N, C-alpha and C. Protein backbone atom coordinates (compact mmCIF):
# COMPACT_ATOMS: atom_id res chain seq x y z
N TRP A 1 -19.13 -10.59 -6.70
CA TRP A 1 -19.44 -10.11 -8.09
C TRP A 1 -19.08 -11.11 -9.17
N GLY A 2 -18.29 -12.22 -8.67
CA GLY A 2 -18.00 -13.42 -9.45
C GLY A 2 -17.05 -13.00 -10.72
N GLY A 3 -16.12 -12.14 -10.45
CA GLY A 3 -15.38 -11.81 -11.66
C GLY A 3 -16.16 -10.86 -12.57
N GLY A 4 -17.11 -10.26 -12.09
CA GLY A 4 -17.81 -9.38 -12.96
C GLY A 4 -19.25 -9.78 -13.39
N ALA A 5 -19.48 -11.05 -13.01
CA ALA A 5 -20.64 -11.51 -13.52
C ALA A 5 -21.84 -10.76 -13.00
N GLY A 6 -22.81 -10.35 -13.81
CA GLY A 6 -23.99 -9.51 -13.40
C GLY A 6 -23.63 -8.09 -13.50
N ILE A 7 -22.38 -7.59 -13.66
CA ILE A 7 -22.19 -6.28 -13.87
C ILE A 7 -21.73 -6.10 -15.48
N ARG A 8 -22.60 -5.20 -16.12
CA ARG A 8 -22.13 -5.10 -17.65
C ARG A 8 -21.11 -3.96 -17.79
N THR A 9 -19.95 -4.27 -18.19
CA THR A 9 -18.95 -3.10 -18.30
C THR A 9 -19.03 -2.48 -19.73
N ASP A 10 -19.94 -2.85 -20.53
CA ASP A 10 -20.00 -2.23 -21.96
C ASP A 10 -21.18 -1.18 -21.75
N VAL A 11 -21.82 -0.92 -20.59
CA VAL A 11 -22.65 0.18 -20.36
C VAL A 11 -21.63 1.33 -19.93
N PRO A 12 -21.76 2.51 -20.58
CA PRO A 12 -21.03 3.67 -20.30
C PRO A 12 -21.34 4.06 -18.97
N VAL A 13 -20.13 4.60 -18.13
CA VAL A 13 -20.62 5.34 -16.99
C VAL A 13 -21.41 6.61 -17.11
N ASP A 14 -22.43 6.92 -16.47
CA ASP A 14 -23.31 8.05 -16.79
C ASP A 14 -22.58 9.28 -16.70
N ASP A 15 -21.83 9.48 -15.73
CA ASP A 15 -20.95 10.84 -15.54
C ASP A 15 -19.92 10.30 -14.32
N GLU A 16 -18.82 10.25 -15.05
CA GLU A 16 -17.79 9.78 -14.18
C GLU A 16 -17.32 10.90 -13.18
N SER A 17 -17.60 12.10 -13.65
CA SER A 17 -17.25 13.21 -12.90
C SER A 17 -17.99 13.21 -11.47
N ARG A 18 -19.03 12.51 -11.33
CA ARG A 18 -19.90 12.39 -10.03
C ARG A 18 -19.15 11.35 -9.11
N LEU A 19 -18.27 10.38 -9.71
CA LEU A 19 -17.59 9.65 -8.86
C LEU A 19 -16.38 10.19 -8.17
N PRO A 20 -16.09 9.74 -7.02
CA PRO A 20 -14.57 10.30 -6.35
C PRO A 20 -13.49 9.92 -7.30
N PRO A 21 -12.46 10.72 -7.42
CA PRO A 21 -11.39 10.34 -8.38
C PRO A 21 -10.70 9.02 -8.08
N GLN A 22 -10.31 8.45 -8.94
CA GLN A 22 -9.46 7.24 -8.77
C GLN A 22 -8.47 7.40 -7.75
N PRO A 23 -8.60 6.70 -6.60
CA PRO A 23 -7.55 6.99 -5.63
C PRO A 23 -5.99 6.21 -6.04
N LYS A 24 -5.18 6.80 -5.41
CA LYS A 24 -3.71 6.14 -5.50
C LYS A 24 -3.80 5.13 -4.31
N VAL A 25 -3.48 3.82 -4.36
CA VAL A 25 -3.36 3.01 -3.30
C VAL A 25 -2.12 2.29 -3.47
N ARG A 26 -1.73 1.67 -2.24
CA ARG A 26 -0.36 0.96 -2.29
C ARG A 26 -0.86 -0.59 -2.37
N ILE A 27 -0.66 -1.29 -3.38
CA ILE A 27 -0.96 -2.77 -3.43
C ILE A 27 0.22 -3.57 -3.62
N TRP A 28 0.29 -4.59 -2.66
CA TRP A 28 1.54 -5.45 -2.78
C TRP A 28 0.99 -6.50 -3.80
N VAL A 29 1.89 -7.02 -4.51
CA VAL A 29 1.84 -7.93 -5.62
C VAL A 29 2.78 -9.17 -5.65
N HIS A 30 2.43 -10.08 -6.36
CA HIS A 30 3.33 -11.33 -6.49
C HIS A 30 4.35 -11.08 -7.44
N PRO A 31 5.50 -11.75 -7.29
CA PRO A 31 6.40 -11.77 -8.25
C PRO A 31 6.03 -12.23 -9.86
N SER A 32 6.52 -11.63 -10.69
CA SER A 32 6.02 -11.87 -12.02
C SER A 32 5.87 -13.27 -12.31
N ASP A 33 6.86 -14.27 -12.04
CA ASP A 33 6.77 -15.72 -12.26
C ASP A 33 5.71 -16.49 -11.62
N ARG A 34 5.21 -15.77 -10.64
CA ARG A 34 4.12 -16.44 -9.80
C ARG A 34 2.67 -16.09 -10.25
N ASP A 35 2.62 -14.87 -10.79
CA ASP A 35 1.34 -14.18 -11.25
C ASP A 35 1.53 -13.45 -12.40
N ARG A 36 1.31 -14.14 -13.61
CA ARG A 36 1.64 -13.37 -15.00
C ARG A 36 0.50 -12.36 -15.34
N PHE A 37 -0.57 -12.49 -14.68
CA PHE A 37 -1.81 -11.78 -14.98
C PHE A 37 -1.98 -10.47 -14.32
N VAL A 38 -2.68 -10.60 -13.03
CA VAL A 38 -3.07 -9.46 -12.16
C VAL A 38 -1.83 -8.58 -11.78
N SER A 39 -0.88 -9.42 -11.20
CA SER A 39 0.27 -8.65 -10.49
C SER A 39 1.07 -8.06 -11.77
N SER A 40 1.31 -8.75 -12.90
CA SER A 40 2.06 -8.06 -13.94
C SER A 40 1.34 -6.98 -14.47
N ALA A 41 0.07 -7.11 -14.71
CA ALA A 41 -0.76 -5.89 -15.17
C ALA A 41 -0.77 -4.70 -14.20
N LEU A 42 -0.68 -5.12 -13.02
CA LEU A 42 -0.59 -3.97 -12.04
C LEU A 42 0.70 -3.24 -12.07
N ARG A 43 1.84 -3.98 -12.15
CA ARG A 43 3.05 -3.33 -12.33
C ARG A 43 3.14 -2.61 -13.72
N ARG A 44 2.68 -3.10 -14.77
CA ARG A 44 2.91 -2.57 -16.07
C ARG A 44 1.95 -1.33 -16.37
N GLU A 45 0.47 -1.44 -15.83
CA GLU A 45 -0.47 -0.42 -16.31
C GLU A 45 -0.83 0.20 -15.09
N GLY A 46 -0.64 -0.36 -13.87
CA GLY A 46 -1.23 0.41 -12.69
C GLY A 46 -2.72 -0.07 -12.43
N ALA A 47 -3.22 -0.81 -13.11
CA ALA A 47 -4.75 -1.18 -13.07
C ALA A 47 -5.03 -2.54 -13.47
N TRP A 48 -6.15 -3.21 -13.05
CA TRP A 48 -6.69 -4.47 -13.29
C TRP A 48 -7.96 -4.23 -13.68
N GLU A 49 -8.53 -4.53 -14.84
CA GLU A 49 -10.07 -4.44 -15.24
C GLU A 49 -10.51 -3.11 -14.93
N PRO A 50 -9.89 -1.96 -15.44
CA PRO A 50 -10.39 -0.65 -15.00
C PRO A 50 -11.90 -0.36 -15.37
N ALA A 51 -12.36 -0.86 -16.41
CA ALA A 51 -13.79 -0.56 -16.74
C ALA A 51 -14.64 -1.22 -15.74
N LEU A 52 -14.35 -2.28 -15.42
CA LEU A 52 -15.21 -3.15 -14.27
C LEU A 52 -15.06 -2.41 -13.10
N ASN A 53 -13.80 -2.02 -12.60
CA ASN A 53 -13.59 -1.10 -11.36
C ASN A 53 -14.48 -0.04 -11.48
N LEU A 54 -14.51 0.85 -12.47
CA LEU A 54 -15.21 2.06 -12.60
C LEU A 54 -16.67 1.84 -12.54
N ARG A 55 -17.16 0.80 -13.18
CA ARG A 55 -18.57 0.44 -13.19
C ARG A 55 -19.11 -0.02 -11.84
N ILE A 56 -18.21 -0.91 -11.29
CA ILE A 56 -18.50 -1.01 -9.77
C ILE A 56 -18.77 0.20 -8.94
N ALA A 57 -17.80 1.02 -8.97
CA ALA A 57 -17.83 2.39 -8.39
C ALA A 57 -19.02 2.88 -8.61
N GLN A 58 -19.57 3.04 -9.93
CA GLN A 58 -20.70 3.68 -10.19
C GLN A 58 -21.97 3.09 -9.42
N VAL A 59 -21.95 1.70 -9.52
CA VAL A 59 -23.06 0.88 -8.87
C VAL A 59 -23.12 1.18 -7.43
N LEU A 60 -21.99 1.11 -6.78
CA LEU A 60 -21.88 1.47 -5.29
C LEU A 60 -22.21 2.78 -4.99
N SER A 61 -22.04 3.87 -5.93
CA SER A 61 -22.23 5.25 -5.55
C SER A 61 -23.82 5.49 -5.63
N GLU A 62 -24.47 4.74 -6.37
CA GLU A 62 -25.99 4.79 -6.70
C GLU A 62 -26.73 3.95 -5.61
N ALA A 63 -25.97 2.98 -4.96
CA ALA A 63 -26.82 2.20 -3.92
C ALA A 63 -26.41 2.59 -2.64
N SER A 64 -27.52 2.86 -1.96
CA SER A 64 -27.37 3.43 -0.56
C SER A 64 -27.32 2.23 0.30
N ASN A 65 -26.26 2.26 1.07
CA ASN A 65 -26.10 1.30 2.21
C ASN A 65 -25.58 0.07 1.58
N ALA A 66 -24.68 0.15 0.41
CA ALA A 66 -24.23 -1.00 -0.05
C ALA A 66 -22.77 -1.39 0.34
N THR A 67 -22.43 -2.62 0.33
CA THR A 67 -21.21 -3.26 0.73
C THR A 67 -20.69 -3.99 -0.39
N LEU A 68 -19.48 -3.93 -0.88
CA LEU A 68 -19.02 -4.78 -1.80
C LEU A 68 -18.23 -5.98 -1.20
N LEU A 69 -18.71 -7.00 -1.69
CA LEU A 69 -18.21 -8.47 -1.01
C LEU A 69 -17.12 -8.81 -2.19
N ASP A 70 -15.72 -8.91 -1.89
CA ASP A 70 -14.98 -9.30 -3.00
C ASP A 70 -14.46 -10.52 -2.60
N VAL A 71 -15.10 -11.51 -3.24
CA VAL A 71 -14.90 -13.04 -2.70
C VAL A 71 -13.69 -13.48 -3.72
N GLY A 72 -12.51 -13.97 -3.52
CA GLY A 72 -11.41 -14.25 -4.40
C GLY A 72 -10.85 -12.89 -4.55
N ALA A 73 -10.43 -12.17 -3.60
CA ALA A 73 -9.97 -10.80 -3.74
C ALA A 73 -8.64 -10.79 -4.47
N HIS A 74 -7.72 -11.93 -4.29
CA HIS A 74 -6.41 -12.02 -4.91
C HIS A 74 -5.47 -11.08 -4.14
N VAL A 75 -4.95 -10.00 -4.75
CA VAL A 75 -4.09 -9.07 -4.13
C VAL A 75 -5.02 -7.98 -3.78
N GLY A 76 -6.21 -7.81 -3.92
CA GLY A 76 -7.18 -6.77 -3.55
C GLY A 76 -7.28 -5.54 -4.27
N TYR A 77 -6.94 -5.57 -5.59
CA TYR A 77 -7.12 -4.41 -6.34
C TYR A 77 -8.50 -3.73 -6.38
N HIS A 78 -9.58 -4.49 -6.50
CA HIS A 78 -10.80 -3.78 -6.53
C HIS A 78 -11.26 -3.48 -5.05
N ALA A 79 -11.06 -4.29 -4.16
CA ALA A 79 -11.38 -4.06 -2.70
C ALA A 79 -10.72 -2.77 -2.24
N LEU A 80 -9.49 -2.67 -2.56
CA LEU A 80 -8.55 -1.48 -2.00
C LEU A 80 -8.92 -0.12 -2.82
N THR A 81 -9.00 -0.26 -4.07
CA THR A 81 -9.32 1.03 -4.77
C THR A 81 -10.79 1.47 -4.57
N LEU A 82 -11.73 0.40 -4.47
CA LEU A 82 -13.12 0.88 -4.18
C LEU A 82 -13.31 1.35 -2.62
N GLY A 83 -12.55 0.72 -1.74
CA GLY A 83 -12.64 1.07 -0.47
C GLY A 83 -12.01 2.52 -0.26
N ALA A 84 -11.06 2.73 -0.96
CA ALA A 84 -10.36 4.12 -1.06
C ALA A 84 -11.37 5.17 -1.61
N ARG A 85 -12.23 4.83 -2.44
CA ARG A 85 -13.22 5.71 -2.91
C ARG A 85 -14.30 5.85 -1.89
N GLY A 86 -14.20 5.20 -0.70
CA GLY A 86 -15.31 5.40 0.31
C GLY A 86 -16.33 4.26 0.41
N ALA A 87 -16.22 3.22 -0.51
CA ALA A 87 -17.14 2.18 -0.45
C ALA A 87 -16.88 1.20 0.85
N ARG A 88 -17.84 0.54 1.27
CA ARG A 88 -17.67 -0.34 2.44
C ARG A 88 -17.30 -1.58 1.76
N VAL A 89 -16.25 -2.40 2.14
CA VAL A 89 -15.64 -3.37 1.43
C VAL A 89 -15.42 -4.61 2.44
N ILE A 90 -15.82 -5.75 1.99
CA ILE A 90 -15.22 -6.97 2.66
C ILE A 90 -14.51 -7.71 1.64
N ALA A 91 -13.09 -8.13 1.99
CA ALA A 91 -12.42 -8.98 1.04
C ALA A 91 -12.00 -10.20 1.55
N VAL A 92 -12.23 -11.18 0.81
CA VAL A 92 -12.06 -12.65 1.18
C VAL A 92 -11.19 -13.18 0.16
N GLU A 93 -10.19 -13.74 0.63
CA GLU A 93 -9.16 -14.52 -0.38
C GLU A 93 -8.57 -15.58 0.47
N PRO A 94 -9.01 -17.01 -0.07
CA PRO A 94 -8.63 -18.15 0.54
C PRO A 94 -7.19 -18.71 0.45
N GLU A 95 -6.62 -18.11 -0.67
CA GLU A 95 -5.18 -18.67 -0.96
C GLU A 95 -4.29 -17.88 -0.12
N GLU A 96 -3.49 -18.48 0.68
CA GLU A 96 -2.52 -17.98 1.80
C GLU A 96 -1.69 -16.83 1.24
N ALA A 97 -0.95 -17.04 0.12
CA ALA A 97 0.08 -16.21 -0.39
C ALA A 97 -0.74 -14.88 -0.72
N SER A 98 -1.83 -14.99 -1.42
CA SER A 98 -2.48 -13.66 -1.63
C SER A 98 -3.10 -13.04 -0.64
N ALA A 99 -3.68 -13.85 0.37
CA ALA A 99 -4.12 -13.22 1.71
C ALA A 99 -3.15 -12.62 2.43
N ALA A 100 -1.85 -12.99 2.47
CA ALA A 100 -0.85 -12.38 3.16
C ALA A 100 -0.52 -11.02 2.53
N LEU A 101 -0.92 -10.86 1.31
CA LEU A 101 -0.44 -9.43 0.66
C LEU A 101 -1.66 -8.55 0.97
N LEU A 102 -2.95 -8.92 1.33
CA LEU A 102 -4.02 -7.97 1.61
C LEU A 102 -3.61 -7.27 2.90
């Protein structure tokens, strides 16, 4: 998805009630001094790019036989939450410390 490239998050989700509820997942994160953005947001808010995550969930629910390829998965927020919603997911993370957290 290239950080959301190609998926418009300004388009409202047609009917969020048609999607499975946002699952609770356990995500291992980096210490705050190592990751000021994603890991810190997950600690603070419990989510990263929630509008994008919801939009991807909608796209996946409308596409039969779709698989999410999360390249640069980092700590796996999108891969884990969308996988917990029932999506087929392949997560790829080349950075060793982040891959270890997946």
